[in-house]
Structure formats: structure tokens, C-alpha cells
Amino acid sequence: MKARGFNKFLKSIKKKNALILLAISIGLVYILFDQRGLIQRIRLTSEKNALEGRIEQLQKENAAMQAEITKLQTSDKEIERIAREKYFMHRNGEKVIKVEPK
């Protein structure tokens, strides 16, 4: 009789452990893979960091462009330099020599 009672006790412990393990597994799956889960959070944090880096880069570009705008508004020499370099303009009497790379 004692052996049967002990076997029942072992089976009930195994069932309890299996239920606990199942509950823990379901909880972990929920924590990891839910929309607000850990994996989604890591993905969103990574995307946020990438976007913040892009914002910094664009702010630097914007500052450089604002500096160039200020130069162009205040300096005739800067306008002349841009006109010569980008649009191949020249003064009267000057000769433009185009050099093509080989």
C-alpha cells in the first residue's frame, strides 16, 4: 500500500512540475514575442537610435547650408566663385580652358 501512495505522490509532483513549466514557458513566450515584448522593444530602441543619428547628421548638414547661405548673402566674391566653378562663367576678355581627364 505504501508503494502505491508514494507512486501517486510522485505522479502528482510530476504533473505539478509540468504545469509550472508550461505556465513559465507561456509567460516567457508572451514576454519575448508580444507586441510590447522584449524583442520588439530591442528592435524599436535600435530604430530610435538610428533615427536619432540621422537627425544629428541632417542638423549638421542644415548648419553647413545655413553657413553657405550667409556667405552667399554677404560676399560677392563667394557668388563669383560659385558662378565660375559650377556654371563656367567668366569675365569679359577671359579665356576658359576646359581640361578633360583621360
C-alpha atoms as a PDB file:
ATOM      1  CA  MET A   1       0.000   0.000   0.000  1.00  0.00           C
ATOM      2  CA  LYS A   2       2.726   2.393   0.846  1.00  0.00           C
ATOM      3  CA  ALA A   3       4.354   1.968  -2.568  1.00  0.00           C
ATOM      4  CA  ARG A   4       1.140   2.887  -4.415  1.00  0.00           C
ATOM      5  CA  GLY A   5       0.702   6.024  -2.309  1.00  0.00           C
ATOM      6  CA  PHE A   6       4.279   7.008  -2.995  1.00  0.00           C
ATOM      7  CA  ASN A   7       3.846   6.463  -6.757  1.00  0.00           C
ATOM      8  CA  LYS A   8       0.726   8.638  -6.703  1.00  0.00           C
ATOM      9  CA  PHE A   9       2.667  11.298  -4.857  1.00  0.00           C
ATOM     10  CA  LEU A  10       5.468  11.225  -7.477  1.00  0.00           C
ATOM     11  CA  LYS A  11       2.951  11.448 -10.338  1.00  0.00           C
ATOM     12  CA  SER A  12       1.225  14.414  -8.710  1.00  0.00           C
ATOM     13  CA  ILE A  13       4.585  16.169  -8.277  1.00  0.00           C
ATOM     14  CA  LYS A  14       5.435  15.496 -11.927  1.00  0.00           C
ATOM     15  CA  LYS A  15       2.069  16.902 -13.005  1.00  0.00           C
ATOM     16  CA  LYS A  16       2.601  19.995 -10.866  1.00  0.00           C
ATOM     17  CA  ASN A  17       6.092  20.499 -12.282  1.00  0.00           C
ATOM     18  CA  ALA A  18       4.810  20.050 -15.814  1.00  0.00           C
ATOM     19  CA  LEU A  19       2.056  22.625 -15.208  1.00  0.00           C
ATOM     20  CA  ILE A  20       4.515  25.067 -13.657  1.00  0.00           C
ATOM     21  CA  LEU A  21       6.934  24.570 -16.552  1.00  0.00           C
ATOM     22  CA  LEU A  22       4.116  25.092 -19.052  1.00  0.00           C
ATOM     23  CA  ALA A  23       2.994  28.285 -17.310  1.00  0.00           C
ATOM     24  CA  ILE A  24       6.555  29.617 -17.223  1.00  0.00           C
ATOM     25  CA  SER A  25       7.020  28.756 -20.913  1.00  0.00           C
ATOM     26  CA  ILE A  26       3.824  30.556 -21.904  1.00  0.00           C
ATOM     27  CA  GLY A  27       4.866  33.556 -19.812  1.00  0.00           C
ATOM     28  CA  LEU A  28       8.300  33.688 -21.452  1.00  0.00           C
ATOM     29  CA  VAL A  29       6.828  33.449 -24.939  1.00  0.00           C
ATOM     30  CA  TYR A  30       4.440  36.282 -24.081  1.00  0.00           C
ATOM     31  CA  ILE A  31       7.220  38.443 -22.595  1.00  0.00           C
ATOM     32  CA  LEU A  32       9.563  37.874 -25.535  1.00  0.00           C
ATOM     33  CA  PHE A  33       7.307  37.872 -28.575  1.00  0.00           C
ATOM     34  CA  ASP A  34       4.313  40.059 -27.723  1.00  0.00           C
ATOM     35  CA  GLN A  35       3.865  43.449 -29.423  1.00  0.00           C
ATOM     36  CA  ARG A  36       5.197  45.050 -26.263  1.00  0.00           C
ATOM     37  CA  GLY A  37       7.668  42.227 -25.693  1.00  0.00           C
ATOM     38  CA  LEU A  38      11.380  42.313 -25.203  1.00  0.00           C
ATOM     39  CA  ILE A  39      12.311  41.589 -28.818  1.00  0.00           C
ATOM     40  CA  GLN A  40      10.006  44.336 -30.107  1.00  0.00           C
ATOM     41  CA  ARG A  41      11.456  46.731 -27.532  1.00  0.00           C
ATOM     42  CA  ILE A  42      15.012  45.974 -28.659  1.00  0.00           C
ATOM     43  CA  ARG A  43      14.008  46.461 -32.303  1.00  0.00           C
ATOM     44  CA  LEU A  44      12.330  49.791 -31.552  1.00  0.00           C
ATOM     45  CA  THR A  45      15.281  51.008 -29.483  1.00  0.00           C
ATOM     46  CA  SER A  46      17.626  50.186 -32.342  1.00  0.00           C
ATOM     47  CA  GLU A  47      15.392  52.022 -34.822  1.00  0.00           C
ATOM     48  CA  LYS A  48      15.167  55.015 -32.458  1.00  0.00           C
ATOM     49  CA  ASN A  49      18.968  55.201 -32.186  1.00  0.00           C
ATOM     50  CA  ALA A  50      19.331  55.042 -35.969  1.00  0.00           C
ATOM     51  CA  LEU A  51      16.781  57.839 -36.419  1.00  0.00           C
ATOM     52  CA  GLU A  52      18.473  59.995 -33.787  1.00  0.00           C
ATOM     53  CA  GLY A  53      21.780  59.554 -35.628  1.00  0.00           C
ATOM     54  CA  ARG A  54      20.105  60.561 -38.883  1.00  0.00           C
ATOM     55  CA  ILE A  55      18.617  63.643 -37.172  1.00  0.00           C
ATOM     56  CA  GLU A  56      22.074  64.703 -35.955  1.00  0.00           C
ATOM     57  CA  GLN A  57      23.504  64.223 -39.451  1.00  0.00           C
ATOM     58  CA  LEU A  58      20.715  66.296 -41.012  1.00  0.00           C
ATOM     59  CA  GLN A  59      21.167  69.030 -38.405  1.00  0.00           C
ATOM     60  CA  LYS A  60      24.877  69.240 -39.282  1.00  0.00           C
ATOM     61  CA  GLU A  61      24.034  69.436 -42.994  1.00  0.00           C
ATOM     62  CA  ASN A  62      21.453  72.122 -42.252  1.00  0.00           C
ATOM     63  CA  ALA A  63      24.006  74.166 -40.275  1.00  0.00           C
ATOM     64  CA  ALA A  64      26.516  73.878 -43.138  1.00  0.00           C
ATOM     65  CA  MET A  65      23.899  75.016 -45.652  1.00  0.00           C
ATOM     66  CA  GLN A  66      22.884  77.939 -43.430  1.00  0.00           C
ATOM     67  CA  ALA A  67      26.557  78.982 -43.239  1.00  0.00           C
ATOM     68  CA  GLU A  68      26.817  78.803 -47.032  1.00  0.00           C
ATOM     69  CA  ILE A  69      23.627  80.862 -47.408  1.00  0.00           C
ATOM     70  CA  THR A  70      25.052  83.500 -45.082  1.00  0.00           C
ATOM     71  CA  LYS A  71      28.297  83.582 -47.078  1.00  0.00           C
ATOM     72  CA  LEU A  72      26.422  83.968 -50.345  1.00  0.00           C
ATOM     73  CA  GLN A  73      24.260  86.772 -48.938  1.00  0.00           C
ATOM     74  CA  THR A  74      27.228  88.744 -47.636  1.00  0.00           C
ATOM     75  CA  SER A  75      30.062  88.127 -50.093  1.00  0.00           C
ATOM     76  CA  ASP A  76      30.150  88.969 -53.809  1.00  0.00           C
ATOM     77  CA  LYS A  77      33.422  87.046 -54.132  1.00  0.00           C
ATOM     78  CA  GLU A  78      31.699  83.871 -52.961  1.00  0.00           C
ATOM     79  CA  ILE A  79      28.948  84.320 -55.569  1.00  0.00           C
ATOM     80  CA  GLU A  80      31.600  84.854 -58.241  1.00  0.00           C
ATOM     81  CA  ARG A  81      33.494  81.725 -57.141  1.00  0.00           C
ATOM     82  CA  ILE A  82      30.324  79.607 -57.327  1.00  0.00           C
ATOM     83  CA  ALA A  83      29.424  81.050 -60.726  1.00  0.00           C
ATOM     84  CA  ARG A  84      32.884  80.238 -62.080  1.00  0.00           C
ATOM     85  CA  GLU A  85      33.085  76.724 -60.637  1.00  0.00           C
ATOM     86  CA  LYS A  86      29.581  75.427 -61.216  1.00  0.00           C
ATOM     87  CA  TYR A  87      28.370  77.383 -64.231  1.00  0.00           C
ATOM     88  CA  PHE A  88      31.660  78.044 -66.070  1.00  0.00           C
ATOM     89  CA  MET A  89      31.008  81.787 -66.203  1.00  0.00           C
ATOM     90  CA  HIS A  90      33.859  84.176 -66.915  1.00  0.00           C
ATOM     91  CA  ARG A  91      34.590  87.854 -67.126  1.00  0.00           C
ATOM     92  CA  ASN A  92      34.799  89.686 -70.411  1.00  0.00           C
ATOM     93  CA  GLY A  93      38.165  89.137 -72.025  1.00  0.00           C
ATOM     94  CA  GLU A  94      38.981  85.985 -70.026  1.00  0.00           C
ATOM     95  CA  LYS A  95      39.535  82.675 -71.748  1.00  0.00           C
ATOM     96  CA  VAL A  96      38.076  79.496 -70.306  1.00  0.00           C
ATOM     97  CA  ILE A  97      40.227  76.418 -70.723  1.00  0.00           C
ATOM     98  CA  LYS A  98      38.490  73.120 -70.155  1.00  0.00           C
ATOM     99  CA  VAL A  99      40.668  70.229 -69.083  1.00  0.00           C
ATOM    100  CA  GLU A 100      39.173  66.785 -69.508  1.00  0.00           C
ATOM    101  CA  PRO A 101      40.546  63.855 -67.535  1.00  0.00           C
ATOM    102  CA  LYS A 102      41.914  60.945 -69.545  1.00  0.00           C
END
